[in-house]
Amino acid sequence: MAVALALVAGLFLLPKGIVKPKEGKKELSQQDAARTANRDNGAAAPSTASVEGGMPAGATPEQPHMAVAPEQRREINGLLAKYSAENELGAKLRLATDLAAKYRAVEKFDSAGYYLEQVAMTRPGEQTLQRAADAYYEAFSFATTEERAKSLGAKTRELYERVLKNNPDNLKAKTNLGMALMASDNPVAGVSLLREVLAADPKNEEAIYNLGILSLRSNQNDKAVERFRELTVVNPQNANGQFYLGVSLALTGAKEDARKAFTKAKSLSTDPGFTASVDEQLQKLN
């Protein structure tokens, strides 16, 4: 299901509007961070968590597909209680790391990002900042509303910019920052960053893939075909590349070539969600 969701999320990653990130607010409070969680949708903040896994004060009910199993919720709530009570810095940071891992395991990505950010703010460095940025980027990638894409994009940009201050040659950070910039008031800068990545590494699969997605998003279907064809040359085993090559070919009317790309994509993955997505596209060609 995660692969299938990623395929859908890729096409709708970019919001139609743009917004300036809020200024003068460098950190979220624990409760605010919990409430912004895309996959958590009201995660228990340390100060309000119910140890028995009940609904924290002020939180909204989780949607069914976002629900956490009772045992996992008890584990998280137990860690939240310890985190809130812990005063020794080293132990608190270890608990923050543990919380991030638990939240990521249940796909509550920006709750994971929040706790990784606490570690990074205390011990800033390229690796700690990137771990926090990567978690927020995952949440951004799965954002289902324009408002959430904007807010999560702003946090993602803030952290990746700090990563790049530490290491301007970090191509993964530059690629993800480029995509996050698409939800800012300067989307052209995002495209420029992706092109910078390709200039430094012409075979960078993430940059080629994202430029292909951007071409689809802007209805430049011929350009999307070029990008995804390039990606499948760089790595013929890239299932997502083959899938979106099929999508872009279908949009240009090249149905037989699209069918071949979809068939190839299907052969590269045994994930049932991915296979279902491919089968749906093949049916549309009939």
Protein backbone atom coordinates (compact mmCIF):
# COMPACT_ATOMS: atom_id res chain seq x y z
CA MET A 1 0.00 0.00 0.00
CA ALA A 2 2.89 2.36 0.75
CA VAL A 3 4.16 2.03 -2.82
CA ALA A 4 0.69 2.59 -4.24
CA LEU A 5 0.19 5.65 -2.06
CA ALA A 6 3.56 6.98 -3.14
CA LEU A 7 2.56 6.65 -6.78
CA VAL A 8 -0.60 8.63 -6.19
CA ALA A 9 1.17 11.15 -3.97
CA GLY A 10 3.79 11.80 -6.64
CA LEU A 11 1.30 13.23 -9.09
CA PHE A 12 -0.44 15.41 -6.53
CA LEU A 13 2.63 16.49 -4.62
CA LEU A 14 2.56 20.07 -5.84
CA PRO A 15 -0.15 22.38 -4.55
CA LYS A 16 -1.83 24.74 -7.00
CA GLY A 17 -1.23 27.77 -4.79
CA ILE A 18 1.82 29.19 -3.09
CA VAL A 19 2.37 30.78 0.30
CA LYS A 20 5.19 32.45 2.16
CA PRO A 21 6.41 30.49 5.19
CA LYS A 22 5.66 32.08 8.53
CA GLU A 23 8.47 34.22 9.82
CA GLY A 24 9.78 34.47 13.34
CA LYS A 25 8.66 31.00 14.40
CA LYS A 26 11.68 28.78 14.40
CA GLU A 27 10.32 25.97 16.56
CA LEU A 28 6.97 24.35 17.10
CA SER A 29 5.70 23.71 20.58
CA GLN A 30 5.32 20.04 21.45
CA GLN A 31 1.54 20.22 21.31
CA ASP A 32 1.48 22.22 18.05
CA ALA A 33 3.87 19.75 16.46
CA ALA A 34 1.68 16.85 17.48
CA ARG A 35 -1.40 18.45 16.01
CA THR A 36 0.24 19.15 12.66
CA ALA A 37 1.06 15.50 12.05
CA ASN A 38 -0.20 14.44 8.64
CA ARG A 39 -0.14 10.74 9.38
CA ASP A 40 -0.80 11.26 13.11
CA ASN A 41 -3.64 13.78 12.74
CA GLY A 42 -3.60 14.67 16.40
CA ALA A 43 -0.79 12.64 17.93
CA ALA A 44 -0.56 12.69 21.68
CA ALA A 45 1.66 15.55 22.73
CA PRO A 46 3.96 14.82 25.70
CA SER A 47 2.01 17.11 27.99
CA THR A 48 -1.40 15.66 27.18
CA ALA A 49 -0.80 12.00 26.41
CA SER A 50 -3.01 9.37 27.94
CA VAL A 51 -0.80 6.51 29.05
CA GLU A 52 -3.61 4.09 28.31
CA GLY A 53 -3.80 5.26 24.69
CA GLY A 54 -6.97 7.35 24.90
CA MET A 55 -7.59 10.59 22.98
CA PRO A 56 -5.31 13.42 24.16
CA ALA A 57 -6.86 16.73 25.09
CA GLY A 58 -7.53 18.90 22.05
CA ALA A 59 -6.76 16.14 19.55
CA THR A 60 -9.01 15.15 16.68
CA PRO A 61 -10.05 11.53 16.01
CA GLU A 62 -7.72 9.63 13.72
CA GLN A 63 -9.07 8.61 10.35
CA PRO A 64 -9.43 4.82 9.99
CA HIS A 65 -6.41 4.42 7.71
CA MET A 66 -4.34 6.50 10.11
CA ALA A 67 -5.28 4.50 13.20
CA VAL A 68 -2.50 3.03 15.31
CA ALA A 69 -2.83 -0.42 16.83
CA PRO A 70 -3.54 -0.28 20.59
CA GLU A 71 -0.24 -1.95 21.49
CA GLN A 72 1.77 0.51 19.40
CA ARG A 73 -0.21 3.43 20.83
CA ARG A 74 0.55 2.25 24.38
CA GLU A 75 4.26 2.03 23.51
CA ILE A 76 4.22 5.54 22.09
CA ASN A 77 2.27 6.95 25.01
CA GLY A 78 4.67 5.31 27.45
CA LEU A 79 7.63 6.92 25.67
CA LEU A 80 5.83 10.28 25.59
CA ALA A 81 5.31 10.15 29.35
CA LYS A 82 8.99 9.34 29.90
CA TYR A 83 10.06 12.08 27.50
CA SER A 84 7.94 14.65 29.31
CA ALA A 85 9.31 13.64 32.72
CA GLU A 86 12.98 13.29 31.74
CA ASN A 87 15.29 16.16 32.71
CA GLU A 88 18.70 14.72 31.82
CA LEU A 89 19.57 15.96 28.32
CA GLY A 90 21.24 12.85 26.95
CA ALA A 91 18.45 10.58 28.09
CA LYS A 92 15.82 12.97 26.74
CA LEU A 93 17.46 13.01 23.32
CA ARG A 94 17.60 9.22 23.27
CA LEU A 95 13.89 9.13 24.08
CA ALA A 96 13.25 11.63 21.28
CA THR A 97 15.07 9.34 18.86
CA ASP A 98 13.08 6.35 20.08
CA LEU A 99 9.83 8.28 19.68
CA ALA A 100 10.77 9.26 16.13
CA ALA A 101 11.42 5.62 15.26
CA LYS A 102 8.06 4.55 16.72
CA TYR A 103 6.19 7.29 14.88
CA ARG A 104 7.92 6.49 11.62
CA ALA A 105 7.07 2.81 12.02
CA VAL A 106 3.38 3.75 12.05
CA GLU A 107 3.86 6.30 9.24
CA LYS A 108 3.29 9.40 11.37
CA PHE A 109 6.08 11.17 9.56
CA ASP A 110 5.94 14.73 10.84
CA SER A 111 5.55 13.55 14.41
CA ALA A 112 8.78 11.66 13.72
CA GLY A 113 10.21 14.83 12.19
CA TYR A 114 9.32 16.89 15.25
CA TYR A 115 11.24 14.65 17.66
CA LEU A 116 14.19 14.31 15.29
CA GLU A 117 14.17 18.09 15.06
CA GLN A 118 14.52 18.31 18.85
CA VAL A 119 17.69 16.25 18.57
CA ALA A 120 18.97 18.37 15.67
CA MET A 121 18.31 21.66 17.46
CA THR A 122 20.33 20.47 20.44
CA ARG A 123 23.08 18.79 18.46
CA PRO A 124 23.04 20.47 15.04
CA GLY A 125 24.98 18.79 12.29
CA GLU A 126 24.47 17.59 8.74
CA GLN A 127 23.26 14.13 9.72
CA THR A 128 20.90 15.10 12.55
CA LEU A 129 19.38 17.92 10.50
CA GLN A 130 18.95 15.67 7.47
CA ARG A 131 17.17 12.98 9.47
CA ALA A 132 14.65 15.56 10.68
CA ALA A 133 14.32 17.10 7.21
CA ASP A 134 13.81 13.69 5.59
CA ALA A 135 10.97 12.87 7.99
CA TYR A 136 9.21 16.17 7.32
CA TYR A 137 9.75 15.64 3.59
CA GLU A 138 7.97 12.30 3.80
CA ALA A 139 5.06 13.99 5.54
CA PHE A 140 5.10 16.73 2.88
CA SER A 141 5.07 14.12 0.12
CA PHE A 142 1.93 12.55 1.55
CA ALA A 143 0.13 15.84 2.22
CA THR A 144 -3.46 15.55 1.04
CA THR A 145 -4.41 19.23 1.21
CA GLU A 146 -2.86 22.41 -0.13
CA GLU A 147 -2.70 23.89 3.37
CA ARG A 148 -0.75 20.92 4.75
CA ALA A 149 1.60 20.88 1.76
CA LYS A 150 2.39 24.54 2.41
CA SER A 151 3.03 24.20 6.14
CA LEU A 152 5.02 20.99 5.87
CA GLY A 153 6.89 22.33 2.86
CA ALA A 154 7.99 25.37 4.87
CA LYS A 155 9.37 23.20 7.68
CA THR A 156 11.06 20.90 5.18
CA ARG A 157 12.72 23.83 3.42
CA GLU A 158 13.94 25.34 6.67
CA LEU A 159 15.71 22.14 7.68
CA TYR A 160 17.18 21.26 4.27
CA GLU A 161 18.55 24.78 3.95
CA ARG A 162 20.41 24.22 7.20
CA VAL A 163 21.68 20.87 5.90
CA LEU A 164 23.06 22.58 2.81
CA LYS A 165 24.79 25.24 4.91
CA ASN A 166 26.74 22.36 6.43
CA ASN A 167 27.35 20.67 3.07
CA PRO A 168 26.41 22.48 -0.17
CA ASP A 169 27.21 19.31 -2.14
CA ASN A 170 24.57 17.15 -0.44
CA LEU A 171 22.60 16.17 -3.56
CA LYS A 172 19.78 14.37 -1.75
CA ALA A 173 19.11 17.42 0.39
CA LYS A 174 19.28 19.65 -2.68
CA THR A 175 16.86 17.40 -4.60
CA ASN A 176 14.30 17.28 -1.80
CA LEU A 177 14.65 21.00 -1.15
CA GLY A 178 13.94 21.56 -4.83
CA MET A 179 10.67 19.67 -4.55
CA ALA A 180 9.71 21.41 -1.31
CA LEU A 181 10.29 24.77 -3.00
CA MET A 182 7.46 23.93 -5.37
CA ALA A 183 5.11 24.71 -2.47
CA SER A 184 6.75 28.08 -1.85
CA ASP A 185 6.53 31.52 -3.45
CA ASN A 186 9.58 30.65 -5.56
CA PRO A 187 8.89 27.37 -7.41
CA VAL A 188 11.29 28.32 -10.21
CA ALA A 189 14.12 28.02 -7.68
CA GLY A 190 13.03 24.44 -7.08
CA VAL A 191 13.40 23.53 -10.74
CA SER A 192 16.78 25.27 -10.80
CA LEU A 193 17.98 23.19 -7.86
CA LEU A 194 16.93 19.96 -9.55
CA ARG A 195 18.83 21.00 -12.66
CA GLU A 196 21.87 21.78 -10.52
CA VAL A 197 21.71 18.25 -9.17
CA LEU A 198 21.64 16.82 -12.70
CA ALA A 199 24.54 19.05 -13.71
CA ALA A 200 26.56 17.57 -10.85
CA ASP A 201 25.25 14.02 -11.34
CA PRO A 202 23.60 13.42 -14.75
CA LYS A 203 22.43 9.96 -13.65
CA ASN A 204 20.78 11.07 -10.41
CA GLU A 205 17.59 9.02 -10.40
CA GLU A 206 15.70 11.13 -7.86
CA ALA A 207 16.30 14.36 -9.76
CA ILE A 208 15.31 12.83 -13.11
CA TYR A 209 12.20 11.28 -11.56
CA ASN A 210 11.11 14.51 -9.89
CA LEU A 211 11.62 16.55 -13.05
CA GLY A 212 9.47 14.01 -14.83
CA ILE A 213 6.74 14.37 -12.20
CA LEU A 214 6.92 18.15 -12.54
CA SER A 215 6.54 17.82 -16.31
CA LEU A 216 3.42 15.71 -15.83
CA ARG A 217 2.07 18.16 -13.26
CA SER A 218 2.44 21.01 -15.76
CA ASN A 219 0.95 18.98 -18.64
CA GLN A 220 4.27 18.85 -20.50
CA ASN A 221 3.65 15.23 -21.42
CA ASP A 222 6.27 14.99 -24.18
CA LYS A 223 8.88 16.33 -21.78
CA ALA A 224 7.72 13.83 -19.15
CA VAL A 225 8.25 11.02 -21.66
CA GLU A 226 11.82 12.23 -22.20
CA ARG A 227 12.53 12.35 -18.48
CA PHE A 228 11.10 8.95 -17.65
CA ARG A 229 12.67 7.35 -20.69
CA GLU A 230 15.99 8.79 -19.52
CA LEU A 231 15.34 7.36 -16.06
CA THR A 232 14.64 3.89 -17.42
CA VAL A 233 17.89 4.03 -19.39
CA VAL A 234 19.83 4.99 -16.26
CA ASN A 235 18.10 2.22 -14.32
CA PRO A 236 15.86 -0.21 -16.27
CA GLN A 237 14.84 -1.80 -12.94
CA ASN A 238 13.28 1.41 -11.60
CA ALA A 239 9.64 0.32 -11.27
CA ASN A 240 8.30 3.82 -10.62
CA GLY A 241 10.20 5.12 -13.64
CA GLN A 242 8.65 2.45 -15.86
CA PHE A 243 5.19 3.15 -14.40
CA TYR A 244 5.32 6.88 -15.05
CA LEU A 245 6.87 6.34 -18.46
CA GLY A 246 3.69 4.38 -19.19
CA VAL A 247 1.53 7.18 -17.77
CA SER A 248 3.23 9.87 -19.82
CA LEU A 249 3.22 7.77 -23.00
CA ALA A 250 -0.49 7.11 -22.57
CA LEU A 251 -1.12 10.83 -22.23
CA THR A 252 0.66 11.45 -25.54
CA GLY A 253 -1.46 8.78 -27.25
CA ALA A 254 1.33 6.21 -27.64
CA LYS A 255 -0.81 3.38 -26.25
CA GLU A 256 1.27 0.42 -27.40
CA ASP A 257 4.49 1.87 -26.00
CA ALA A 258 2.61 2.71 -22.81
CA ARG A 259 1.40 -0.88 -22.56
CA LYS A 260 4.99 -2.14 -22.84
CA ALA A 261 6.14 0.24 -20.11
CA PHE A 262 3.31 -0.79 -17.78
CA THR A 263 3.99 -4.47 -18.43
CA LYS A 264 7.67 -3.92 -17.63
CA ALA A 265 6.77 -2.03 -14.46
CA LYS A 266 4.51 -4.86 -13.34
CA SER A 267 7.33 -7.37 -13.82
CA LEU A 268 9.59 -5.36 -11.51
CA SER A 269 7.44 -5.46 -8.39
CA THR A 270 5.46 -8.01 -6.42
CA ASP A 271 3.80 -5.36 -4.27
CA PRO A 272 0.03 -5.87 -4.59
CA GLY A 273 -0.74 -2.15 -4.38
CA PHE A 274 1.71 -1.36 -7.16
CA THR A 275 0.37 -4.21 -9.28
CA ALA A 276 -3.19 -2.94 -8.79
CA SER A 277 -2.15 0.53 -9.95
CA VAL A 278 -0.51 -0.92 -13.07
CA ASP A 279 -3.55 -3.08 -13.85
CA GLU A 280 -5.80 -0.03 -13.55
CA GLN A 281 -3.68 1.86 -16.06
CA LEU A 282 -3.62 -1.11 -18.43
CA GLN A 283 -7.41 -1.29 -18.31
CA LYS A 284 -7.63 2.36 -19.29
CA LEU A 285 -5.66 1.58 -22.44
CA ASN A 286 -8.21 -1.00 -23.62
